[in-house]
Amino acid sequence: MKKKFAMNPCGGRLGNAVMFLLAGLLLLANLSLAAAQKDKKKKKDQAQPSASSKAVMLGDEQQIDYLLSEMLGAWQIGDVEKLHATYADDVSLVSGGWTPPVIGWANYAPIFQQSRARMQRVRMDRSNTYIRVNGNTGWACYQWDFSADVEGQPVQSRGQTTVVLMKRNDHWVIVHNHTSLSPGGTLTSPANTTTPQQTPAKPNGF
C-alpha cells in the first residue's frame, strides 16, 4: 500500500527564501573578494615609490648626490622647471667671470634660459664629488667636464663647483652655487664672439 505524503503549503515559500538567502551570501562573498583584490592592488601601487620618494628614503649624503645628478641633468637638457626644483628661491650664484653674484631664482632663470638657448649637443660630466652634511646644512664640491656647440662652434671646458645646501621641508635645495672655470679649461671657444672667460660654458648658466 502506497503512502501518500501531504505537501507542506509553506515548502515553496521556504525554498524560495533559502534560495534568496544563498544568492545574497554569494553576492556578498563576491563583493568582499572584489574589495579585497582592489585593496591589495591599492597597497601594491602605494608600495611602489616614486622617484622623489626614493630620494627621501636615501641617507642625506646620498640625497644630495642624487640632487646634484638631477640638477646637472636638468641643466644639460635645458629643463628650467626641473632645474628650479633643485634650487632655493633665494639662491645665490657666483660665476668664474668678473660678474656680480646673481641673487634669487627669479633673476637667475632668464640668464640660464638665454645662455642655454645658444647651446646644442650639450654634455656635462661630473667627477670627484665630495659631500658633507651637518644637521640641516650640507655642502658639496665636484669637478665637471663640459662640451657643446655654442652658436655653431664646438666648445669644451672644465672647472669646479662648490654648492651649499639646506634641508627645507625634508627636501635638500641648493642655496649657494660657486662655479669656477679652471685655468686653460676652455679648449675651444666660438670665433669672433666672446673671450673664454665670457663663454657661457659653465654649469650654472653664466
N, C-alpha and C. Protein backbone atom coordinates (compact mmCIF):
# COMPACT_ATOMS: atom_id res chain seq x y z
N MET A 1 0.84 -1.18 0.00
CA MET A 1 0.00 0.00 0.00
C MET A 1 0.88 1.24 0.00
N LYS A 2 0.62 2.08 -0.98
CA LYS A 2 1.43 3.29 -1.11
C LYS A 2 0.97 4.35 -0.14
N LYS A 3 1.97 4.95 0.49
CA LYS A 3 1.67 6.04 1.40
C LYS A 3 1.68 7.36 0.65
N LYS A 4 0.74 8.17 0.95
CA LYS A 4 0.67 9.50 0.36
C LYS A 4 1.19 10.53 1.35
N PHE A 5 2.10 11.34 0.83
CA PHE A 5 2.67 12.39 1.68
C PHE A 5 2.00 13.69 1.39
N ALA A 6 1.57 14.34 2.40
CA ALA A 6 0.91 15.65 2.23
C ALA A 6 1.96 16.70 1.98
N MET A 7 1.75 17.55 1.00
CA MET A 7 2.70 18.62 0.67
C MET A 7 2.55 19.77 1.64
N ASN A 8 3.66 20.25 2.09
CA ASN A 8 3.66 21.39 3.01
C ASN A 8 3.38 22.65 2.24
N PRO A 9 2.28 23.33 2.52
CA PRO A 9 1.94 24.54 1.76
C PRO A 9 2.99 25.63 1.92
N CYS A 10 3.85 25.56 2.96
CA CYS A 10 4.88 26.58 3.16
C CYS A 10 6.20 26.19 2.52
N GLY A 11 6.26 24.93 1.96
CA GLY A 11 7.53 24.44 1.43
C GLY A 11 8.05 25.31 0.30
N GLY A 12 7.22 25.72 -0.60
CA GLY A 12 7.66 26.54 -1.74
C GLY A 12 8.21 27.88 -1.27
N ARG A 13 7.51 28.50 -0.35
CA ARG A 13 7.99 29.80 0.15
C ARG A 13 9.31 29.65 0.91
N LEU A 14 9.42 28.60 1.70
CA LEU A 14 10.64 28.37 2.45
C LEU A 14 11.81 28.12 1.51
N GLY A 15 11.55 27.35 0.45
CA GLY A 15 12.60 27.08 -0.53
C GLY A 15 13.07 28.35 -1.21
N ASN A 16 12.11 29.19 -1.57
CA ASN A 16 12.47 30.46 -2.22
C ASN A 16 13.28 31.34 -1.28
N ALA A 17 12.90 31.34 0.00
CA ALA A 17 13.62 32.15 0.97
C ALA A 17 15.06 31.67 1.11
N VAL A 18 15.21 30.34 1.13
CA VAL A 18 16.56 29.78 1.22
C VAL A 18 17.38 30.15 0.01
N MET A 19 16.75 30.07 -1.19
CA MET A 19 17.47 30.42 -2.42
C MET A 19 17.90 31.88 -2.42
N PHE A 20 17.00 32.76 -1.99
CA PHE A 20 17.34 34.19 -1.91
C PHE A 20 18.48 34.43 -0.93
N LEU A 21 18.45 33.69 0.20
CA LEU A 21 19.50 33.83 1.21
C LEU A 21 20.84 33.39 0.67
N LEU A 22 20.85 32.24 -0.04
CA LEU A 22 22.10 31.75 -0.64
C LEU A 22 22.62 32.71 -1.70
N ALA A 23 21.72 33.26 -2.50
CA ALA A 23 22.13 34.22 -3.53
C ALA A 23 22.74 35.46 -2.90
N GLY A 24 22.13 35.90 -1.79
CA GLY A 24 22.66 37.08 -1.10
C GLY A 24 24.04 36.84 -0.55
N LEU A 25 24.22 35.65 0.05
CA LEU A 25 25.52 35.32 0.60
C LEU A 25 26.59 35.23 -0.50
N LEU A 26 26.19 34.65 -1.66
CA LEU A 26 27.12 34.55 -2.78
C LEU A 26 27.51 35.93 -3.30
N LEU A 27 26.54 36.82 -3.41
CA LEU A 27 26.81 38.19 -3.86
C LEU A 27 27.74 38.91 -2.88
N LEU A 28 27.46 38.72 -1.55
CA LEU A 28 28.29 39.35 -0.54
C LEU A 28 29.72 38.82 -0.61
N ALA A 29 29.87 37.54 -0.87
CA ALA A 29 31.21 36.95 -0.96
C ALA A 29 31.95 37.52 -2.16
N ASN A 30 31.25 37.67 -3.30
CA ASN A 30 31.88 38.23 -4.50
C ASN A 30 32.30 39.68 -4.28
N LEU A 31 31.42 40.45 -3.59
CA LEU A 31 31.76 41.85 -3.31
C LEU A 31 32.96 41.94 -2.39
N SER A 32 33.02 41.07 -1.38
CA SER A 32 34.14 41.08 -0.45
C SER A 32 35.44 40.71 -1.17
N LEU A 33 35.36 39.73 -2.09
CA LEU A 33 36.54 39.32 -2.84
C LEU A 33 37.02 40.46 -3.73
N ALA A 34 36.08 41.15 -4.41
CA ALA A 34 36.45 42.27 -5.28
C ALA A 34 37.09 43.39 -4.47
N ALA A 35 36.50 43.66 -3.28
CA ALA A 35 37.05 44.72 -2.43
C ALA A 35 38.45 44.36 -1.95
N ALA A 36 38.64 43.08 -1.61
CA ALA A 36 39.95 42.64 -1.14
C ALA A 36 40.99 42.75 -2.25
N GLN A 37 40.60 42.38 -3.49
CA GLN A 37 41.53 42.49 -4.62
C GLN A 37 41.86 43.95 -4.90
N LYS A 38 40.85 44.83 -4.82
CA LYS A 38 41.07 46.26 -5.05
C LYS A 38 42.00 46.83 -3.98
N ASP A 39 41.78 46.43 -2.72
CA ASP A 39 42.63 46.91 -1.62
C ASP A 39 44.06 46.40 -1.78
N LYS A 40 44.20 45.15 -2.26
CA LYS A 40 45.53 44.58 -2.47
C LYS A 40 46.25 45.34 -3.57
N LYS A 41 45.53 45.67 -4.65
CA LYS A 41 46.13 46.42 -5.76
C LYS A 41 46.53 47.82 -5.31
N LYS A 42 45.66 48.44 -4.48
CA LYS A 42 45.96 49.78 -3.97
C LYS A 42 47.22 49.77 -3.12
N LYS A 43 47.33 48.75 -2.24
CA LYS A 43 48.52 48.65 -1.40
C LYS A 43 49.76 48.40 -2.23
N LYS A 44 49.62 47.61 -3.32
CA LYS A 44 50.75 47.33 -4.19
C LYS A 44 51.20 48.60 -4.90
N ASP A 45 50.21 49.40 -5.36
CA ASP A 45 50.54 50.67 -6.02
C ASP A 45 51.23 51.62 -5.06
N GLN A 46 50.73 51.63 -3.81
CA GLN A 46 51.32 52.51 -2.81
C GLN A 46 52.73 52.05 -2.45
N ALA A 47 52.99 50.75 -2.60
CA ALA A 47 54.30 50.23 -2.24
C ALA A 47 55.37 50.58 -3.26
N GLN A 48 54.94 51.01 -4.48
CA GLN A 48 55.90 51.40 -5.50
C GLN A 48 56.27 52.86 -5.31
N PRO A 49 57.46 53.18 -4.79
CA PRO A 49 57.83 54.56 -4.52
C PRO A 49 58.13 55.32 -5.79
N SER A 50 57.78 56.61 -5.82
CA SER A 50 58.10 57.47 -6.94
C SER A 50 59.57 57.84 -6.88
N ALA A 51 60.03 58.56 -7.95
CA ALA A 51 61.44 58.95 -7.99
C ALA A 51 61.79 59.87 -6.83
N SER A 52 60.85 60.78 -6.49
CA SER A 52 61.12 61.71 -5.40
C SER A 52 61.12 61.01 -4.05
N SER A 53 60.20 60.02 -3.86
CA SER A 53 60.17 59.32 -2.59
C SER A 53 61.37 58.40 -2.42
N LYS A 54 61.90 57.90 -3.55
CA LYS A 54 63.11 57.09 -3.48
C LYS A 54 64.26 57.91 -2.93
N ALA A 55 64.34 59.19 -3.35
CA ALA A 55 65.42 60.05 -2.87
C ALA A 55 65.31 60.27 -1.37
N VAL A 56 64.06 60.43 -0.88
CA VAL A 56 63.86 60.68 0.55
C VAL A 56 64.27 59.46 1.38
N MET A 57 64.15 58.25 0.80
CA MET A 57 64.49 57.04 1.51
C MET A 57 66.00 56.89 1.66
N LEU A 58 66.77 57.66 0.91
CA LEU A 58 68.22 57.58 0.99
C LEU A 58 68.73 58.38 2.18
N GLY A 59 70.01 58.17 2.53
CA GLY A 59 70.64 58.99 3.55
C GLY A 59 70.88 60.39 3.00
N ASP A 60 71.23 61.33 3.88
CA ASP A 60 71.37 62.72 3.47
C ASP A 60 72.44 62.90 2.39
N GLU A 61 73.59 62.27 2.56
CA GLU A 61 74.64 62.42 1.56
C GLU A 61 74.22 61.84 0.22
N GLN A 62 73.51 60.70 0.27
CA GLN A 62 73.02 60.10 -0.96
C GLN A 62 71.95 60.98 -1.61
N GLN A 63 71.10 61.61 -0.78
CA GLN A 63 70.10 62.53 -1.32
C GLN A 63 70.75 63.70 -2.04
N ILE A 64 71.80 64.23 -1.45
CA ILE A 64 72.50 65.36 -2.08
C ILE A 64 73.15 64.92 -3.38
N ASP A 65 73.76 63.76 -3.38
CA ASP A 65 74.36 63.25 -4.61
C ASP A 65 73.30 63.07 -5.69
N TYR A 66 72.14 62.57 -5.31
CA TYR A 66 71.03 62.39 -6.25
C TYR A 66 70.56 63.75 -6.77
N LEU A 67 70.48 64.74 -5.88
CA LEU A 67 70.05 66.08 -6.28
C LEU A 67 71.04 66.70 -7.27
N LEU A 68 72.33 66.51 -7.04
CA LEU A 68 73.33 67.04 -7.97
C LEU A 68 73.17 66.42 -9.36
N SER A 69 72.88 65.13 -9.40
CA SER A 69 72.64 64.47 -10.68
C SER A 69 71.40 65.04 -11.36
N GLU A 70 70.34 65.28 -10.57
CA GLU A 70 69.12 65.86 -11.11
C GLU A 70 69.39 67.27 -11.63
N MET A 71 70.16 68.06 -10.87
CA MET A 71 70.45 69.43 -11.27
C MET A 71 71.23 69.47 -12.58
N LEU A 72 72.30 68.69 -12.66
CA LEU A 72 73.11 68.70 -13.87
C LEU A 72 72.36 68.09 -15.06
N GLY A 73 71.51 67.10 -14.78
CA GLY A 73 70.69 66.53 -15.85
C GLY A 73 69.72 67.54 -16.42
N ALA A 74 69.08 68.31 -15.53
CA ALA A 74 68.14 69.34 -15.97
C ALA A 74 68.88 70.45 -16.73
N TRP A 75 70.06 70.81 -16.24
CA TRP A 75 70.88 71.82 -16.92
C TRP A 75 71.26 71.34 -18.32
N GLN A 76 71.60 70.06 -18.42
CA GLN A 76 72.05 69.51 -19.70
C GLN A 76 70.95 69.52 -20.75
N ILE A 77 69.71 69.20 -20.35
CA ILE A 77 68.62 69.16 -21.33
C ILE A 77 67.85 70.47 -21.42
N GLY A 78 68.21 71.43 -20.56
CA GLY A 78 67.56 72.74 -20.62
C GLY A 78 66.18 72.78 -20.00
N ASP A 79 65.92 71.92 -19.02
CA ASP A 79 64.61 71.86 -18.37
C ASP A 79 64.61 72.82 -17.17
N VAL A 80 64.07 74.03 -17.38
CA VAL A 80 64.15 75.07 -16.35
C VAL A 80 63.31 74.72 -15.12
N GLU A 81 62.16 74.06 -15.32
CA GLU A 81 61.31 73.70 -14.19
C GLU A 81 61.97 72.64 -13.32
N LYS A 82 62.54 71.65 -13.95
CA LYS A 82 63.23 70.60 -13.20
C LYS A 82 64.46 71.16 -12.50
N LEU A 83 65.12 72.11 -13.15
CA LEU A 83 66.28 72.75 -12.53
C LEU A 83 65.85 73.55 -11.31
N HIS A 84 64.73 74.23 -11.41
CA HIS A 84 64.22 75.04 -10.30
C HIS A 84 63.96 74.19 -9.06
N ALA A 85 63.56 72.93 -9.28
CA ALA A 85 63.27 72.04 -8.14
C ALA A 85 64.51 71.77 -7.30
N THR A 86 65.69 72.00 -7.85
CA THR A 86 66.93 71.75 -7.11
C THR A 86 67.49 73.00 -6.45
N TYR A 87 66.96 74.17 -6.80
CA TYR A 87 67.46 75.43 -6.27
C TYR A 87 66.43 76.10 -5.36
N ALA A 88 66.91 76.75 -4.31
CA ALA A 88 66.04 77.54 -3.45
C ALA A 88 65.67 78.84 -4.17
N ASP A 89 64.53 79.39 -3.83
CA ASP A 89 64.12 80.66 -4.45
C ASP A 89 65.08 81.78 -4.09
N ASP A 90 65.74 81.69 -2.93
CA ASP A 90 66.67 82.72 -2.50
C ASP A 90 68.13 82.33 -2.77
N VAL A 91 68.36 81.48 -3.77
CA VAL A 91 69.70 81.02 -4.08
C VAL A 91 70.60 82.18 -4.52
N SER A 92 71.88 82.05 -4.24
CA SER A 92 72.88 82.99 -4.75
C SER A 92 73.86 82.20 -5.61
N LEU A 93 74.28 82.80 -6.73
CA LEU A 93 75.15 82.10 -7.67
C LEU A 93 76.32 83.00 -8.06
N VAL A 94 77.51 82.42 -8.03
CA VAL A 94 78.73 83.15 -8.37
C VAL A 94 79.40 82.43 -9.53
N SER A 95 79.76 83.18 -10.58
CA SER A 95 80.41 82.58 -11.74
C SER A 95 81.91 82.78 -11.65
N GLY A 96 82.63 82.14 -12.59
CA GLY A 96 84.06 82.28 -12.62
C GLY A 96 84.52 83.57 -13.29
N GLY A 97 83.59 84.25 -13.97
CA GLY A 97 83.92 85.50 -14.62
C GLY A 97 83.81 86.68 -13.66
N TRP A 98 84.28 87.84 -14.12
CA TRP A 98 84.23 89.04 -13.28
C TRP A 98 82.84 89.67 -13.42
N THR A 99 81.85 89.01 -12.81
CA THR A 99 80.47 89.48 -12.85
C THR A 99 79.89 89.44 -11.44
N PRO A 100 78.93 90.32 -11.14
CA PRO A 100 78.34 90.31 -9.80
C PRO A 100 77.60 89.00 -9.53
N PRO A 101 77.50 88.61 -8.29
CA PRO A 101 76.68 87.43 -7.96
C PRO A 101 75.23 87.65 -8.38
N VAL A 102 74.59 86.57 -8.74
CA VAL A 102 73.16 86.61 -9.07
C VAL A 102 72.40 86.14 -7.84
N ILE A 103 71.47 86.95 -7.39
CA ILE A 103 70.73 86.64 -6.17
C ILE A 103 69.27 86.33 -6.53
N GLY A 104 68.82 85.15 -6.18
CA GLY A 104 67.42 84.77 -6.37
C GLY A 104 67.19 84.01 -7.67
N TRP A 105 66.33 83.00 -7.58
CA TRP A 105 66.00 82.19 -8.76
C TRP A 105 65.36 83.04 -9.84
N ALA A 106 64.52 83.99 -9.47
CA ALA A 106 63.83 84.82 -10.46
C ALA A 106 64.82 85.59 -11.33
N ASN A 107 65.97 85.95 -10.77
CA ASN A 107 66.98 86.65 -11.54
C ASN A 107 67.87 85.69 -12.33
N TYR A 108 68.03 84.49 -11.80
CA TYR A 108 68.90 83.52 -12.47
C TYR A 108 68.22 82.83 -13.64
N ALA A 109 66.94 82.52 -13.52
CA ALA A 109 66.24 81.73 -14.55
C ALA A 109 66.39 82.32 -15.95
N PRO A 110 66.16 83.63 -16.17
CA PRO A 110 66.32 84.15 -17.53
C PRO A 110 67.76 84.08 -18.04
N ILE A 111 68.74 84.22 -17.13
CA ILE A 111 70.15 84.09 -17.53
C ILE A 111 70.42 82.68 -18.03
N PHE A 112 69.91 81.70 -17.27
CA PHE A 112 70.08 80.31 -17.68
C PHE A 112 69.43 80.05 -19.02
N GLN A 113 68.19 80.50 -19.20
CA GLN A 113 67.46 80.23 -20.43
C GLN A 113 68.13 80.88 -21.64
N GLN A 114 68.59 82.12 -21.49
CA GLN A 114 69.26 82.80 -22.60
C GLN A 114 70.58 82.10 -22.94
N SER A 115 71.31 81.71 -21.92
CA SER A 115 72.59 81.03 -22.14
C SER A 115 72.38 79.66 -22.77
N ARG A 116 71.41 78.91 -22.23
CA ARG A 116 71.17 77.54 -22.70
C ARG A 116 70.64 77.53 -24.13
N ALA A 117 69.91 78.57 -24.53
CA ALA A 117 69.33 78.63 -25.87
C ALA A 117 70.41 78.70 -26.96
N ARG A 118 71.61 79.13 -26.59
CA ARG A 118 72.71 79.25 -27.55
C ARG A 118 73.46 77.95 -27.75
N MET A 119 73.09 76.91 -26.98
CA MET A 119 73.86 75.67 -26.97
C MET A 119 73.07 74.52 -27.59
N GLN A 120 73.80 73.65 -28.26
CA GLN A 120 73.25 72.40 -28.77
C GLN A 120 74.25 71.29 -28.44
N ARG A 121 73.72 70.06 -28.48
CA ARG A 121 74.55 68.87 -28.23
C ARG A 121 75.35 69.02 -26.93
N VAL A 122 74.65 69.37 -25.87
CA VAL A 122 75.29 69.63 -24.58
C VAL A 122 75.62 68.32 -23.86
N ARG A 123 76.79 68.27 -23.29
CA ARG A 123 77.18 67.14 -22.46
C ARG A 123 77.90 67.66 -21.22
N MET A 124 77.52 67.13 -20.07
CA MET A 124 78.12 67.55 -18.80
C MET A 124 78.44 66.31 -17.97
N ASP A 125 79.70 66.14 -17.61
CA ASP A 125 80.12 65.00 -16.80
C ASP A 125 80.64 65.51 -15.46
N ARG A 126 80.23 64.85 -14.38
CA ARG A 126 80.66 65.21 -13.03
C ARG A 126 81.59 64.14 -12.48
N SER A 127 82.62 64.57 -11.75
CA SER A 127 83.57 63.62 -11.18
C SER A 127 84.13 64.17 -9.87
N ASN A 128 84.76 63.27 -9.11
CA ASN A 128 85.45 63.63 -7.86
C ASN A 128 84.56 64.47 -6.93
N THR A 129 83.36 63.96 -6.68
CA THR A 129 82.40 64.66 -5.82
C THR A 129 82.71 64.39 -4.35
N TYR A 130 82.67 65.45 -3.55
CA TYR A 130 82.87 65.34 -2.11
C TYR A 130 81.69 66.01 -1.42
N ILE A 131 81.04 65.28 -0.52
CA ILE A 131 79.81 65.76 0.12
C ILE A 131 79.94 65.65 1.64
N ARG A 132 79.53 66.68 2.34
CA ARG A 132 79.48 66.66 3.80
C ARG A 132 78.13 67.20 4.26
N VAL A 133 77.67 66.69 5.40
CA VAL A 133 76.39 67.09 5.98
C VAL A 133 76.58 67.39 7.45
N ASN A 134 75.98 68.49 7.91
CA ASN A 134 75.98 68.84 9.33
C ASN A 134 74.59 69.34 9.68
N GLY A 135 73.78 68.45 10.23
CA GLY A 135 72.40 68.81 10.54
C GLY A 135 71.60 69.06 9.27
N ASN A 136 70.97 70.23 9.18
CA ASN A 136 70.18 70.60 8.01
C ASN A 136 70.97 71.41 7.00
N THR A 137 72.29 71.40 7.13
CA THR A 137 73.17 72.10 6.19
C THR A 137 74.13 71.11 5.58
N GLY A 138 74.38 71.27 4.30
CA GLY A 138 75.32 70.40 3.62
C GLY A 138 76.11 71.18 2.59
N TRP A 139 77.22 70.63 2.18
CA TRP A 139 77.99 71.27 1.12
C TRP A 139 78.64 70.18 0.29
N ALA A 140 78.90 70.53 -0.96
CA ALA A 140 79.49 69.56 -1.88
C ALA A 140 80.37 70.30 -2.87
N CYS A 141 81.42 69.63 -3.31
CA CYS A 141 82.25 70.17 -4.37
C CYS A 141 82.51 69.05 -5.38
N TYR A 142 82.65 69.42 -6.62
CA TYR A 142 82.89 68.42 -7.66
C TYR A 142 83.56 69.10 -8.86
N GLN A 143 84.21 68.28 -9.67
CA GLN A 143 84.77 68.75 -10.93
C GLN A 143 83.80 68.41 -12.06
N TRP A 144 83.82 69.22 -13.10
CA TRP A 144 82.94 68.98 -14.23
C TRP A 144 83.68 69.15 -15.54
N ASP A 145 83.20 68.42 -16.53
CA ASP A 145 83.75 68.46 -17.88
C ASP A 145 82.59 68.71 -18.83
N PHE A 146 82.67 69.81 -19.58
CA PHE A 146 81.56 70.28 -20.40
C PHE A 146 81.96 70.31 -21.87
N SER A 147 81.01 69.94 -22.73
CA SER A 147 81.19 70.11 -24.17
C SER A 147 79.85 70.42 -24.80
N ALA A 148 79.88 71.24 -25.85
CA ALA A 148 78.65 71.61 -26.55
C ALA A 148 79.01 72.37 -27.81
N ASP A 149 78.01 72.57 -28.66
CA ASP A 149 78.13 73.50 -29.77
C ASP A 149 77.48 74.79 -29.32
N VAL A 150 78.27 75.88 -29.26
CA VAL A 150 77.76 77.18 -28.85
C VAL A 150 77.75 78.08 -30.07
N GLU A 151 76.55 78.47 -30.48
CA GLU A 151 76.38 79.27 -31.69
C GLU A 151 77.10 78.62 -32.88
N GLY A 152 76.96 77.30 -32.96
CA GLY A 152 77.50 76.57 -34.10
C GLY A 152 78.96 76.20 -33.99
N GLN A 153 79.64 76.61 -32.91
CA GLN A 153 81.06 76.32 -32.74
C GLN A 153 81.27 75.36 -31.57
N PRO A 154 82.14 74.36 -31.74
CA PRO A 154 82.39 73.42 -30.64
C PRO A 154 83.13 74.09 -29.49
N VAL A 155 82.66 73.83 -28.30
CA VAL A 155 83.29 74.37 -27.08
C VAL A 155 83.47 73.25 -26.08
N GLN A 156 84.64 73.21 -25.47
CA GLN A 156 84.90 72.29 -24.37
C GLN A 156 85.50 73.08 -23.23
N SER A 157 85.05 72.80 -22.04
CA SER A 157 85.62 73.48 -20.87
C SER A 157 85.51 72.57 -19.66
N ARG A 158 86.29 72.89 -18.65
CA ARG A 158 86.23 72.13 -17.41
C ARG A 158 86.48 73.08 -16.24
N GLY A 159 85.99 72.69 -15.10
CA GLY A 159 86.14 73.54 -13.93
C GLY A 159 85.67 72.83 -12.68
N GLN A 160 85.37 73.62 -11.65
CA GLN A 160 84.95 73.08 -10.38
C GLN A 160 83.78 73.90 -9.83
N THR A 161 82.93 73.22 -9.09
CA THR A 161 81.76 73.87 -8.49
C THR A 161 81.67 73.47 -7.03
N THR A 162 81.33 74.43 -6.20
CA THR A 162 81.01 74.19 -4.79
C THR A 162 79.60 74.68 -4.53
N VAL A 163 78.78 73.85 -3.92
CA VAL A 163 77.42 74.24 -3.60
C VAL A 163 77.19 74.10 -2.10
N VAL A 164 76.37 74.99 -1.56
CA VAL A 164 75.90 74.90 -0.18
C VAL A 164 74.41 74.56 -0.25
N LEU A 165 73.99 73.64 0.57
CA LEU A 165 72.61 73.18 0.55
C LEU A 165 71.98 73.29 1.93
N MET A 166 70.66 73.44 1.94
CA MET A 166 69.90 73.41 3.19
C MET A 166 68.72 72.46 3.02
N LYS A 167 68.39 71.80 4.12
CA LYS A 167 67.25 70.88 4.11
C LYS A 167 66.02 71.64 4.58
N ARG A 168 65.08 71.84 3.67
CA ARG A 168 63.87 72.57 3.97
C ARG A 168 62.66 71.70 3.66
N ASN A 169 61.80 71.52 4.65
CA ASN A 169 60.63 70.65 4.49
C ASN A 169 61.04 69.24 4.02
N ASP A 170 62.10 68.72 4.64
CA ASP A 170 62.61 67.38 4.35
C ASP A 170 63.10 67.25 2.91
N HIS A 171 63.49 68.35 2.30
CA HIS A 171 63.96 68.32 0.91
C HIS A 171 65.20 69.20 0.79
N TRP A 172 66.29 68.63 0.29
CA TRP A 172 67.51 69.39 0.11
C TRP A 172 67.39 70.32 -1.11
N VAL A 173 67.85 71.55 -0.96
CA VAL A 173 67.89 72.50 -2.06
C VAL A 173 69.21 73.26 -2.02
N ILE A 174 69.66 73.69 -3.17
CA ILE A 174 70.91 74.45 -3.26
C ILE A 174 70.62 75.91 -2.93
N VAL A 175 71.35 76.44 -1.96
CA VAL A 175 71.16 77.84 -1.58
C VAL A 175 72.32 78.71 -2.06
N HIS A 176 73.42 78.07 -2.44
CA HIS A 176 74.55 78.84 -2.98
C HIS A 176 75.32 77.96 -3.96
N ASN A 177 75.69 78.55 -5.10
CA ASN A 177 76.43 77.83 -6.12
C ASN A 177 77.60 78.70 -6.56
N HIS A 178 78.81 78.20 -6.38
CA HIS A 178 80.02 78.93 -6.81
C HIS A 178 80.75 78.06 -7.81
N THR A 179 80.73 78.49 -9.06
CA THR A 179 81.35 77.74 -10.14
C THR A 179 82.53 78.52 -10.69
N SER A 180 83.64 77.83 -10.91
CA SER A 180 84.82 78.48 -11.47
C SER A 180 85.36 77.67 -12.63
N LEU A 181 85.86 78.38 -13.61
CA LEU A 181 86.47 77.76 -14.78
C LEU A 181 87.95 77.55 -14.49
N SER A 182 88.42 76.32 -14.71
CA SER A 182 89.83 76.03 -14.46
C SER A 182 90.72 76.77 -15.46
N PRO A 183 91.92 77.19 -15.04
CA PRO A 183 92.84 77.85 -15.98
C PRO A 183 93.11 76.96 -17.18
N GLY A 184 92.90 77.52 -18.36
CA GLY A 184 93.07 76.73 -19.57
C GLY A 184 91.94 75.75 -19.79
N GLY A 185 90.85 75.93 -19.02
CA GLY A 185 89.74 74.98 -19.11
C GLY A 185 88.97 75.06 -20.40
N THR A 186 88.88 76.25 -21.01
CA THR A 186 88.18 76.38 -22.28
C THR A 186 89.14 76.00 -23.40
N LEU A 187 88.89 74.85 -24.01
CA LEU A 187 89.79 74.34 -25.03
C LEU A 187 89.48 74.93 -26.39
N THR A 188 88.23 75.21 -26.67
CA THR A 188 87.82 75.81 -27.92
C THR A 188 86.70 76.78 -27.64
N SER A 189 86.75 77.97 -28.20
CA SER A 189 85.69 78.95 -27.99
C SER A 189 85.20 79.46 -29.33
N PRO A 190 83.95 79.92 -29.41
CA PRO A 190 83.42 80.42 -30.67
C PRO A 190 84.28 81.56 -31.22
N ALA A 191 84.59 81.52 -32.49
CA ALA A 191 85.42 82.54 -33.11
C ALA A 191 84.67 83.86 -33.21
N ASN A 192 85.38 84.97 -32.94
CA ASN A 192 84.84 86.30 -33.10
C ASN A 192 83.58 86.55 -32.28
N THR A 193 83.48 85.94 -31.12
CA THR A 193 82.29 86.16 -30.29
C THR A 193 82.70 86.69 -28.92
N THR A 194 83.15 85.80 -28.02
CA THR A 194 83.47 86.22 -26.66
C THR A 194 84.82 85.68 -26.25
N THR A 195 85.34 86.21 -25.19
CA THR A 195 86.57 85.68 -24.62
C THR A 195 86.25 84.41 -23.88
N PRO A 196 87.25 83.55 -23.59
CA PRO A 196 86.98 82.31 -22.86
C PRO A 196 86.30 82.55 -21.52
N GLN A 197 86.64 83.67 -20.83
CA GLN A 197 86.03 83.92 -19.54
C GLN A 197 84.55 84.25 -19.66
N GLN A 198 84.13 84.75 -20.84
CA GLN A 198 82.74 85.14 -21.01
C GLN A 198 81.92 84.06 -21.70
N THR A 199 82.61 83.04 -22.22
CA THR A 199 81.89 81.99 -22.92
C THR A 199 80.93 81.29 -21.96
N PRO A 200 79.63 81.17 -22.33
CA PRO A 200 78.65 80.56 -21.42
C PRO A 200 78.81 79.05 -21.41
N ALA A 201 79.87 78.59 -20.83
CA ALA A 201 80.15 77.16 -20.85
C ALA A 201 80.44 76.65 -19.47
N LYS A 202 79.67 77.11 -18.51
CA LYS A 202 79.82 76.67 -17.13
C LYS A 202 78.46 76.16 -16.64
N PRO A 203 78.44 75.15 -15.76
CA PRO A 203 77.18 74.51 -15.40
C PRO A 203 76.30 75.31 -14.47
N ASN A 204 76.43 76.63 -14.43
CA ASN A 204 75.41 77.42 -13.72
C ASN A 204 74.85 78.51 -14.63
N GLY A 205 75.12 78.39 -15.92
CA GLY A 205 74.43 79.21 -16.91
C GLY A 205 75.10 80.51 -17.24
N PHE A 206 76.25 80.84 -16.63
CA PHE A 206 76.89 82.12 -16.92
C PHE A 206 77.73 82.03 -18.19
